[in-house]
């Protein structure tokens, strides 16, 4: 029966696998951001905790967007398992460095899927993914801006307090 269903959709199996892998990656990113929010909250960085809660929610919405697309085009959307995520961070700055690394990994993954959609001549999926290409520009920029605050403000004295407060402004700009 699966072969008959596969013939009724233009979605290639390779693209379906890549999209389901991206669903999992977005779910993991959401979980990682929750852990970052918790760490920030436990360490007194309330604005940053709020920022990471919002990021977690965004990643979950990205996951659902891809999940729904898979179902809409006749693919099999797979609910992802999420492995345990890192709960502790060495420093406040390392939380944001980890966030930037994660966003860069997501960008690279989206780009690989777009490249594959072009190879497979799957223009509908490529068009769908353009929203994510644009979104990742914003996501990486926000993460880089947060890290830049550590360089500009510094981590001595009230620096961490000022950084946390500035993160709240990044959060409200979106």
N, C-alpha and C. Protein backbone atom coordinates (compact mmCIF):
# COMPACT_ATOMS: atom_id res chain seq x y z
N UNK A 1 0.82 -1.20 0.00
CA UNK A 1 0.00 0.00 0.00
C UNK A 1 0.86 1.26 0.00
N UNK A 2 1.98 1.21 0.72
CA UNK A 2 2.86 2.38 0.78
C UNK A 2 3.33 2.77 -0.61
N UNK A 3 3.64 1.78 -1.47
CA UNK A 3 4.07 2.09 -2.83
C UNK A 3 2.98 2.81 -3.61
N UNK A 4 1.73 2.39 -3.42
CA UNK A 4 0.63 3.06 -4.10
C UNK A 4 0.47 4.49 -3.60
N UNK A 5 0.60 4.69 -2.30
CA UNK A 5 0.51 6.04 -1.75
C UNK A 5 1.66 6.91 -2.24
N UNK A 6 2.84 6.33 -2.32
CA UNK A 6 4.01 7.07 -2.78
C UNK A 6 3.80 7.57 -4.21
N UNK A 7 3.11 6.78 -5.03
CA UNK A 7 2.86 7.18 -6.41
C UNK A 7 1.88 8.35 -6.49
N UNK A 8 1.12 8.57 -5.45
CA UNK A 8 0.12 9.64 -5.46
C UNK A 8 0.66 10.98 -4.97
N UNK A 9 1.92 11.03 -4.61
CA UNK A 9 2.52 12.28 -4.18
C UNK A 9 3.79 12.53 -4.99
N UNK A 10 4.07 13.79 -5.21
CA UNK A 10 5.29 14.13 -5.94
C UNK A 10 6.49 14.22 -5.01
N UNK A 11 6.26 14.10 -3.71
CA UNK A 11 7.35 14.20 -2.74
C UNK A 11 8.23 12.96 -2.83
N UNK A 12 9.48 13.17 -3.12
CA UNK A 12 10.44 12.07 -3.22
C UNK A 12 10.80 11.58 -1.81
N UNK A 13 11.07 10.30 -1.71
CA UNK A 13 11.39 9.70 -0.41
C UNK A 13 12.60 10.36 0.24
N UNK A 14 13.62 10.69 -0.55
CA UNK A 14 14.82 11.35 -0.01
C UNK A 14 14.47 12.69 0.64
N UNK A 15 13.59 13.45 0.00
CA UNK A 15 13.17 14.75 0.54
C UNK A 15 12.34 14.54 1.81
N UNK A 16 11.48 13.54 1.80
CA UNK A 16 10.68 13.24 2.99
C UNK A 16 11.58 12.92 4.18
N UNK A 17 12.61 12.13 3.95
CA UNK A 17 13.55 11.78 5.02
C UNK A 17 14.25 13.03 5.54
N UNK A 18 14.72 13.86 4.63
CA UNK A 18 15.41 15.10 5.04
C UNK A 18 14.48 16.01 5.83
N UNK A 19 13.24 16.13 5.39
CA UNK A 19 12.28 16.98 6.11
C UNK A 19 11.96 16.42 7.49
N UNK A 20 11.82 15.11 7.60
CA UNK A 20 11.60 14.52 8.92
C UNK A 20 12.81 14.70 9.82
N UNK A 21 14.00 14.64 9.25
CA UNK A 21 15.21 14.93 10.04
C UNK A 21 15.20 16.37 10.53
N UNK A 22 14.68 17.28 9.68
CA UNK A 22 14.61 18.69 10.08
C UNK A 22 13.56 18.88 11.17
N UNK A 23 12.46 18.14 11.10
CA UNK A 23 11.46 18.18 12.17
C UNK A 23 12.13 17.83 13.49
N UNK A 24 12.92 16.78 13.48
CA UNK A 24 13.64 16.35 14.69
C UNK A 24 14.62 17.43 15.15
N UNK A 25 15.34 18.02 14.22
CA UNK A 25 16.31 19.06 14.57
C UNK A 25 15.61 20.26 15.21
N UNK A 26 14.47 20.64 14.69
CA UNK A 26 13.71 21.77 15.25
C UNK A 26 13.18 21.42 16.65
N UNK A 27 12.73 20.19 16.83
CA UNK A 27 12.26 19.74 18.15
C UNK A 27 13.40 19.77 19.16
N UNK A 28 14.57 19.31 18.74
CA UNK A 28 15.74 19.33 19.62
C UNK A 28 16.15 20.77 19.95
N UNK A 29 16.07 21.65 18.96
CA UNK A 29 16.40 23.06 19.21
C UNK A 29 15.44 23.66 20.22
N UNK A 30 14.16 23.32 20.11
CA UNK A 30 13.17 23.81 21.07
C UNK A 30 13.51 23.33 22.48
N UNK A 31 13.87 22.06 22.61
CA UNK A 31 14.22 21.51 23.92
C UNK A 31 15.49 22.16 24.47
N UNK A 32 16.47 22.40 23.61
CA UNK A 32 17.71 23.05 24.05
C UNK A 32 17.43 24.46 24.55
N UNK A 33 16.55 25.18 23.84
CA UNK A 33 16.22 26.52 24.29
C UNK A 33 15.47 26.51 25.62
N UNK A 34 14.66 25.51 25.85
CA UNK A 34 14.02 25.39 27.16
C UNK A 34 15.06 25.20 28.26
N UNK A 35 16.06 24.36 28.00
CA UNK A 35 17.13 24.14 28.99
C UNK A 35 17.90 25.45 29.23
N UNK A 36 18.13 26.20 28.17
CA UNK A 36 18.83 27.49 28.31
C UNK A 36 17.99 28.46 29.12
N UNK A 37 16.68 28.47 28.89
CA UNK A 37 15.79 29.34 29.66
C UNK A 37 15.84 28.98 31.14
N UNK A 38 15.82 27.70 31.42
CA UNK A 38 15.87 27.25 32.81
C UNK A 38 17.18 27.65 33.46
N UNK A 39 18.30 27.45 32.75
CA UNK A 39 19.61 27.82 33.30
C UNK A 39 19.65 29.31 33.60
N UNK A 40 19.18 30.12 32.65
CA UNK A 40 19.19 31.57 32.84
C UNK A 40 18.31 31.96 34.02
N UNK A 41 17.16 31.35 34.14
CA UNK A 41 16.27 31.64 35.25
C UNK A 41 16.93 31.30 36.59
N UNK A 42 17.54 30.12 36.66
CA UNK A 42 18.19 29.69 37.91
C UNK A 42 19.35 30.59 38.30
N UNK A 43 19.93 31.25 37.30
CA UNK A 43 21.09 32.08 37.56
C UNK A 43 20.78 33.57 37.58
N UNK A 44 19.49 33.90 37.63
CA UNK A 44 19.07 35.29 37.83
C UNK A 44 18.99 36.13 36.57
N UNK A 45 19.03 35.52 35.41
CA UNK A 45 18.96 36.27 34.15
C UNK A 45 17.55 36.15 33.57
N UNK A 46 16.63 36.90 34.17
CA UNK A 46 15.20 36.78 33.84
C UNK A 46 14.88 37.18 32.40
N UNK A 47 15.51 38.23 31.90
CA UNK A 47 15.25 38.66 30.52
C UNK A 47 15.72 37.60 29.52
N UNK A 48 16.85 37.04 29.79
CA UNK A 48 17.39 36.00 28.91
C UNK A 48 16.54 34.73 28.99
N UNK A 49 16.05 34.42 30.18
CA UNK A 49 15.15 33.27 30.31
C UNK A 49 13.93 33.47 29.43
N UNK A 50 13.36 34.66 29.45
CA UNK A 50 12.21 34.97 28.61
C UNK A 50 12.56 34.88 27.13
N UNK A 51 13.73 35.39 26.77
CA UNK A 51 14.21 35.32 25.39
C UNK A 51 14.28 33.86 24.92
N UNK A 52 14.86 32.99 25.74
CA UNK A 52 15.01 31.59 25.34
C UNK A 52 13.67 30.85 25.34
N UNK A 53 12.75 31.23 26.21
CA UNK A 53 11.41 30.64 26.14
C UNK A 53 10.75 30.98 24.81
N UNK A 54 10.90 32.22 24.39
CA UNK A 54 10.34 32.64 23.11
C UNK A 54 11.01 31.88 21.97
N UNK A 55 12.33 31.71 22.05
CA UNK A 55 13.06 30.97 21.01
C UNK A 55 12.58 29.52 20.96
N UNK A 56 12.35 28.93 22.11
CA UNK A 56 11.86 27.55 22.17
C UNK A 56 10.52 27.43 21.46
N UNK A 57 9.65 28.38 21.74
CA UNK A 57 8.33 28.37 21.12
C UNK A 57 8.43 28.53 19.60
N UNK A 58 9.34 29.40 19.14
CA UNK A 58 9.55 29.58 17.71
C UNK A 58 10.04 28.29 17.05
N UNK A 59 10.98 27.61 17.70
CA UNK A 59 11.52 26.37 17.12
C UNK A 59 10.42 25.31 17.04
N UNK A 60 9.57 25.27 18.05
CA UNK A 60 8.46 24.31 18.00
C UNK A 60 7.51 24.66 16.86
N UNK A 61 7.27 25.93 16.64
CA UNK A 61 6.39 26.32 15.52
C UNK A 61 7.05 25.97 14.19
N UNK A 62 8.37 26.09 14.10
CA UNK A 62 9.08 25.69 12.87
C UNK A 62 8.90 24.18 12.64
N UNK A 63 9.04 23.41 13.72
CA UNK A 63 8.86 21.97 13.64
C UNK A 63 7.46 21.65 13.10
N UNK A 64 6.45 22.29 13.66
CA UNK A 64 5.07 22.02 13.25
C UNK A 64 4.81 22.46 11.82
N UNK A 65 5.44 23.52 11.40
CA UNK A 65 5.28 24.00 10.02
C UNK A 65 5.76 22.94 9.03
N UNK A 66 6.92 22.35 9.31
CA UNK A 66 7.46 21.30 8.43
C UNK A 66 6.61 20.03 8.55
N UNK A 67 6.23 19.68 9.78
CA UNK A 67 5.39 18.50 10.02
C UNK A 67 4.09 18.59 9.22
N UNK A 68 3.44 19.75 9.29
CA UNK A 68 2.19 19.96 8.55
C UNK A 68 2.41 19.92 7.04
N UNK A 69 3.53 20.48 6.58
CA UNK A 69 3.84 20.44 5.16
C UNK A 69 3.94 18.99 4.68
N UNK A 70 4.67 18.17 5.45
CA UNK A 70 4.79 16.76 5.08
C UNK A 70 3.43 16.10 4.92
N UNK A 71 2.53 16.36 5.86
CA UNK A 71 1.20 15.76 5.78
C UNK A 71 0.41 16.32 4.59
N UNK A 72 0.55 17.61 4.35
CA UNK A 72 -0.20 18.26 3.27
C UNK A 72 0.17 17.71 1.90
N UNK A 73 1.46 17.40 1.71
CA UNK A 73 1.91 16.93 0.40
C UNK A 73 1.87 15.41 0.28
N UNK A 74 1.27 14.73 1.25
CA UNK A 74 1.10 13.29 1.15
C UNK A 74 2.25 12.46 1.68
N UNK A 75 3.16 13.11 2.38
CA UNK A 75 4.28 12.38 2.98
C UNK A 75 3.88 11.80 4.32
N UNK A 76 4.81 11.11 4.93
CA UNK A 76 4.61 10.57 6.26
C UNK A 76 5.40 11.44 7.23
N UNK A 77 4.70 12.19 8.04
CA UNK A 77 5.34 13.02 9.06
C UNK A 77 5.57 12.15 10.29
N UNK A 78 6.79 12.21 10.81
CA UNK A 78 7.15 11.36 11.94
C UNK A 78 7.37 12.23 13.17
N UNK A 79 6.63 11.90 14.24
CA UNK A 79 6.80 12.61 15.50
C UNK A 79 8.19 12.28 16.05
N UNK A 80 9.01 13.29 16.30
CA UNK A 80 10.40 13.02 16.65
C UNK A 80 10.62 12.66 18.11
N UNK A 81 11.61 11.82 18.32
CA UNK A 81 12.11 11.57 19.68
C UNK A 81 13.20 12.59 19.93
N UNK A 82 13.21 13.13 21.12
CA UNK A 82 14.24 14.11 21.48
C UNK A 82 15.08 13.52 22.60
N UNK A 83 16.37 13.44 22.33
CA UNK A 83 17.32 12.92 23.33
C UNK A 83 17.49 13.95 24.44
N UNK A 84 18.09 13.51 25.51
CA UNK A 84 18.37 14.42 26.63
C UNK A 84 19.25 15.58 26.13
N UNK A 85 18.94 16.75 26.60
CA UNK A 85 19.71 17.93 26.20
C UNK A 85 20.56 18.43 27.37
N UNK A 86 21.59 19.16 27.03
CA UNK A 86 22.49 19.74 28.01
C UNK A 86 21.70 20.72 28.89
N UNK A 87 21.84 20.56 30.21
CA UNK A 87 21.11 21.40 31.15
C UNK A 87 21.99 22.46 31.83
N UNK A 88 23.28 22.23 31.82
CA UNK A 88 24.20 23.13 32.52
C UNK A 88 25.15 23.79 31.54
N UNK A 89 25.53 25.01 31.86
CA UNK A 89 26.44 25.79 31.03
C UNK A 89 27.50 26.41 31.92
N UNK A 90 28.69 26.54 31.39
CA UNK A 90 29.82 27.05 32.17
C UNK A 90 29.64 28.52 32.54
N UNK A 91 29.15 29.30 31.59
CA UNK A 91 29.00 30.74 31.81
C UNK A 91 27.76 31.24 31.10
N UNK A 92 27.36 32.43 31.46
CA UNK A 92 26.24 33.10 30.79
C UNK A 92 26.53 33.23 29.30
N UNK A 93 27.74 33.66 28.96
CA UNK A 93 28.12 33.82 27.56
C UNK A 93 28.06 32.49 26.82
N UNK A 94 28.46 31.40 27.46
CA UNK A 94 28.47 30.10 26.78
C UNK A 94 27.07 29.64 26.37
N UNK A 95 26.05 30.10 27.08
CA UNK A 95 24.67 29.79 26.71
C UNK A 95 24.40 30.37 25.32
N UNK A 96 24.78 31.59 25.10
CA UNK A 96 24.54 32.25 23.83
C UNK A 96 25.44 31.71 22.72
N UNK A 97 26.65 31.32 23.08
CA UNK A 97 27.53 30.70 22.09
C UNK A 97 26.94 29.38 21.61
N UNK A 98 26.38 28.62 22.53
CA UNK A 98 25.71 27.37 22.18
C UNK A 98 24.49 27.63 21.30
N UNK A 99 23.76 28.68 21.60
CA UNK A 99 22.59 29.04 20.79
C UNK A 99 23.01 29.38 19.36
N UNK A 100 24.08 30.15 19.22
CA UNK A 100 24.56 30.51 17.88
C UNK A 100 25.02 29.28 17.12
N UNK A 101 25.75 28.39 17.77
CA UNK A 101 26.18 27.15 17.12
C UNK A 101 24.97 26.35 16.62
N UNK A 102 23.94 26.29 17.44
CA UNK A 102 22.73 25.58 17.05
C UNK A 102 22.05 26.21 15.85
N UNK A 103 21.98 27.54 15.83
CA UNK A 103 21.34 28.23 14.71
C UNK A 103 22.13 28.04 13.41
N UNK A 104 23.46 28.06 13.52
CA UNK A 104 24.29 27.82 12.34
C UNK A 104 24.06 26.40 11.81
N UNK A 105 23.95 25.44 12.71
CA UNK A 105 23.69 24.05 12.30
C UNK A 105 22.33 23.93 11.60
N UNK A 106 21.33 24.63 12.10
CA UNK A 106 20.00 24.61 11.47
C UNK A 106 20.08 25.24 10.08
N UNK A 107 20.77 26.36 9.96
CA UNK A 107 20.94 27.01 8.65
C UNK A 107 21.59 26.06 7.65
N UNK A 108 22.65 25.40 8.08
CA UNK A 108 23.35 24.46 7.19
C UNK A 108 22.43 23.32 6.77
N UNK A 109 21.62 22.83 7.70
CA UNK A 109 20.70 21.75 7.39
C UNK A 109 19.64 22.19 6.39
N UNK A 110 19.06 23.36 6.60
CA UNK A 110 18.06 23.90 5.67
C UNK A 110 18.69 24.05 4.28
N UNK A 111 19.90 24.58 4.23
CA UNK A 111 20.58 24.75 2.95
C UNK A 111 20.80 23.42 2.23
N UNK A 112 21.15 22.38 2.99
CA UNK A 112 21.33 21.05 2.38
C UNK A 112 20.01 20.53 1.79
N UNK A 113 18.92 20.77 2.50
CA UNK A 113 17.62 20.31 2.00
C UNK A 113 17.25 21.08 0.73
N UNK A 114 17.47 22.39 0.72
CA UNK A 114 17.19 23.19 -0.47
C UNK A 114 18.01 22.68 -1.65
N UNK A 115 19.28 22.40 -1.42
CA UNK A 115 20.14 21.86 -2.48
C UNK A 115 19.57 20.56 -3.02
N UNK A 116 19.11 19.69 -2.13
CA UNK A 116 18.54 18.41 -2.56
C UNK A 116 17.23 18.60 -3.32
N UNK A 117 16.41 19.57 -2.89
CA UNK A 117 15.15 19.81 -3.62
C UNK A 117 15.44 20.27 -5.05
N UNK A 118 16.51 21.01 -5.22
CA UNK A 118 16.89 21.44 -6.58
C UNK A 118 17.34 20.25 -7.41
N UNK A 119 18.13 19.38 -6.80
CA UNK A 119 18.57 18.17 -7.51
C UNK A 119 17.39 17.31 -7.94
N UNK A 120 16.39 17.22 -7.05
CA UNK A 120 15.22 16.38 -7.31
C UNK A 120 14.14 17.12 -8.11
N UNK A 121 14.39 18.38 -8.43
CA UNK A 121 13.44 19.23 -9.13
C UNK A 121 12.09 19.30 -8.39
N UNK A 122 12.19 19.40 -7.07
CA UNK A 122 11.02 19.53 -6.20
C UNK A 122 10.84 21.02 -5.87
N UNK A 123 10.24 21.72 -6.81
CA UNK A 123 10.14 23.18 -6.69
C UNK A 123 9.16 23.62 -5.61
N UNK A 124 8.15 22.80 -5.36
CA UNK A 124 7.18 23.14 -4.31
C UNK A 124 7.86 23.14 -2.95
N UNK A 125 8.65 22.11 -2.68
CA UNK A 125 9.34 22.05 -1.38
C UNK A 125 10.40 23.13 -1.29
N UNK A 126 11.10 23.38 -2.40
CA UNK A 126 12.09 24.46 -2.38
C UNK A 126 11.41 25.79 -2.04
N UNK A 127 10.27 26.04 -2.67
CA UNK A 127 9.53 27.27 -2.40
C UNK A 127 9.11 27.33 -0.92
N UNK A 128 8.60 26.22 -0.41
CA UNK A 128 8.21 26.14 1.00
C UNK A 128 9.39 26.48 1.91
N UNK A 129 10.58 25.98 1.58
CA UNK A 129 11.75 26.16 2.44
C UNK A 129 12.33 27.57 2.39
N UNK A 130 11.95 28.37 1.40
CA UNK A 130 12.50 29.73 1.32
C UNK A 130 12.14 30.55 2.56
N UNK A 131 10.99 30.29 3.16
CA UNK A 131 10.62 30.98 4.40
C UNK A 131 11.67 30.68 5.47
N UNK A 132 12.11 29.43 5.55
CA UNK A 132 13.10 29.02 6.55
C UNK A 132 14.47 29.63 6.25
N UNK A 133 14.81 29.73 4.97
CA UNK A 133 16.09 30.35 4.59
C UNK A 133 16.11 31.77 5.12
N UNK A 134 15.03 32.51 4.89
CA UNK A 134 14.94 33.90 5.35
C UNK A 134 14.93 33.96 6.89
N UNK A 135 14.19 33.07 7.51
CA UNK A 135 14.08 33.04 8.98
C UNK A 135 15.44 32.81 9.62
N UNK A 136 16.25 31.96 9.02
CA UNK A 136 17.56 31.66 9.61
C UNK A 136 18.49 32.85 9.59
N UNK A 137 18.33 33.74 8.63
CA UNK A 137 19.14 34.97 8.62
C UNK A 137 18.86 35.75 9.91
N UNK A 138 17.59 35.89 10.25
CA UNK A 138 17.18 36.60 11.46
C UNK A 138 17.64 35.87 12.73
N UNK A 139 17.48 34.54 12.74
CA UNK A 139 17.85 33.76 13.92
C UNK A 139 19.34 33.88 14.22
N UNK A 140 20.17 33.74 13.19
CA UNK A 140 21.61 33.86 13.39
C UNK A 140 21.99 35.28 13.81
N UNK A 141 21.36 36.27 13.19
CA UNK A 141 21.66 37.67 13.53
C UNK A 141 21.35 37.94 15.00
N UNK A 142 20.20 37.49 15.49
CA UNK A 142 19.85 37.69 16.90
C UNK A 142 20.87 37.03 17.83
N UNK A 143 21.28 35.82 17.49
CA UNK A 143 22.25 35.11 18.34
C UNK A 143 23.60 35.84 18.33
N UNK A 144 24.01 36.31 17.16
CA UNK A 144 25.29 37.04 17.08
C UNK A 144 25.22 38.35 17.85
N UNK A 145 24.09 39.04 17.73
CA UNK A 145 23.92 40.32 18.45
C UNK A 145 24.02 40.10 19.95
N UNK A 146 23.44 39.02 20.42
CA UNK A 146 23.51 38.72 21.86
C UNK A 146 24.95 38.51 22.29
N UNK A 147 25.71 37.76 21.53
CA UNK A 147 27.12 37.51 21.88
C UNK A 147 27.93 38.79 21.82
N UNK A 148 27.63 39.64 20.85
CA UNK A 148 28.34 40.92 20.73
C UNK A 148 28.18 41.77 21.98
N UNK A 149 27.06 41.63 22.67
CA UNK A 149 26.84 42.40 23.90
C UNK A 149 27.92 42.10 24.94
N UNK A 150 28.38 40.86 24.99
CA UNK A 150 29.42 40.50 25.93
C UNK A 150 30.72 41.25 25.62
N UNK A 151 30.97 41.46 24.32
CA UNK A 151 32.18 42.17 23.91
C UNK A 151 32.04 43.68 24.16
N UNK A 152 30.87 44.21 23.87
CA UNK A 152 30.65 45.65 23.98
C UNK A 152 30.52 46.08 25.44
N UNK A 153 29.73 45.36 26.21
CA UNK A 153 29.44 45.75 27.59
C UNK A 153 30.49 45.21 28.55
N UNK A 154 30.96 44.01 28.30
CA UNK A 154 31.91 43.37 29.21
C UNK A 154 31.19 42.62 30.30
N UNK A 155 31.91 41.69 30.93
CA UNK A 155 31.29 40.81 31.91
C UNK A 155 31.65 41.17 33.36
N UNK A 156 32.37 42.27 33.54
CA UNK A 156 32.76 42.67 34.88
C UNK A 156 31.68 43.54 35.53
N UNK A 157 31.68 43.55 36.84
CA UNK A 157 30.77 44.41 37.59
C UNK A 157 29.33 44.17 37.22
N UNK A 158 28.66 45.22 36.82
CA UNK A 158 27.24 45.13 36.48
C UNK A 158 27.03 44.73 35.01
N UNK A 159 28.10 44.36 34.34
CA UNK A 159 28.02 44.00 32.92
C UNK A 159 27.01 42.91 32.62
N UNK A 160 27.00 41.84 33.42
CA UNK A 160 26.07 40.74 33.16
C UNK A 160 24.62 41.19 33.32
N UNK A 161 24.38 42.04 34.31
CA UNK A 161 23.04 42.59 34.50
C UNK A 161 22.62 43.41 33.28
N UNK A 162 23.53 44.24 32.77
CA UNK A 162 23.23 45.07 31.61
C UNK A 162 23.01 44.22 30.35
N UNK A 163 23.79 43.16 30.21
CA UNK A 163 23.63 42.25 29.08
C UNK A 163 22.25 41.60 29.14
N UNK A 164 21.89 41.10 30.31
CA UNK A 164 20.58 40.46 30.46
C UNK A 164 19.46 41.43 30.11
N UNK A 165 19.59 42.66 30.56
CA UNK A 165 18.59 43.68 30.28
C UNK A 165 18.52 43.96 28.77
N UNK A 166 19.68 44.02 28.11
CA UNK A 166 19.72 44.26 26.67
C UNK A 166 19.12 43.09 25.89
N UNK A 167 19.29 41.87 26.39
CA UNK A 167 18.69 40.70 25.74
C UNK A 167 17.18 40.84 25.72
N UNK A 168 16.63 41.42 26.77
CA UNK A 168 15.18 41.67 26.81
C UNK A 168 14.74 42.57 25.67
N UNK A 169 15.60 43.48 25.28
CA UNK A 169 15.26 44.38 24.16
C UNK A 169 15.32 43.64 22.83
N UNK A 170 16.28 42.72 22.68
CA UNK A 170 16.35 41.90 21.46
C UNK A 170 15.06 41.09 21.37
N UNK A 171 14.65 40.56 22.51
CA UNK A 171 13.44 39.74 22.58
C UNK A 171 12.20 40.53 22.15
N UNK A 172 12.15 41.80 22.52
CA UNK A 172 10.95 42.60 22.21
C UNK A 172 10.98 43.19 20.82
N UNK A 173 12.13 43.15 20.14
CA UNK A 173 12.22 43.69 18.78
C UNK A 173 11.59 42.79 17.76
N UNK A 174 11.46 41.50 18.07
CA UNK A 174 10.94 40.55 17.09
C UNK A 174 9.44 40.60 16.98
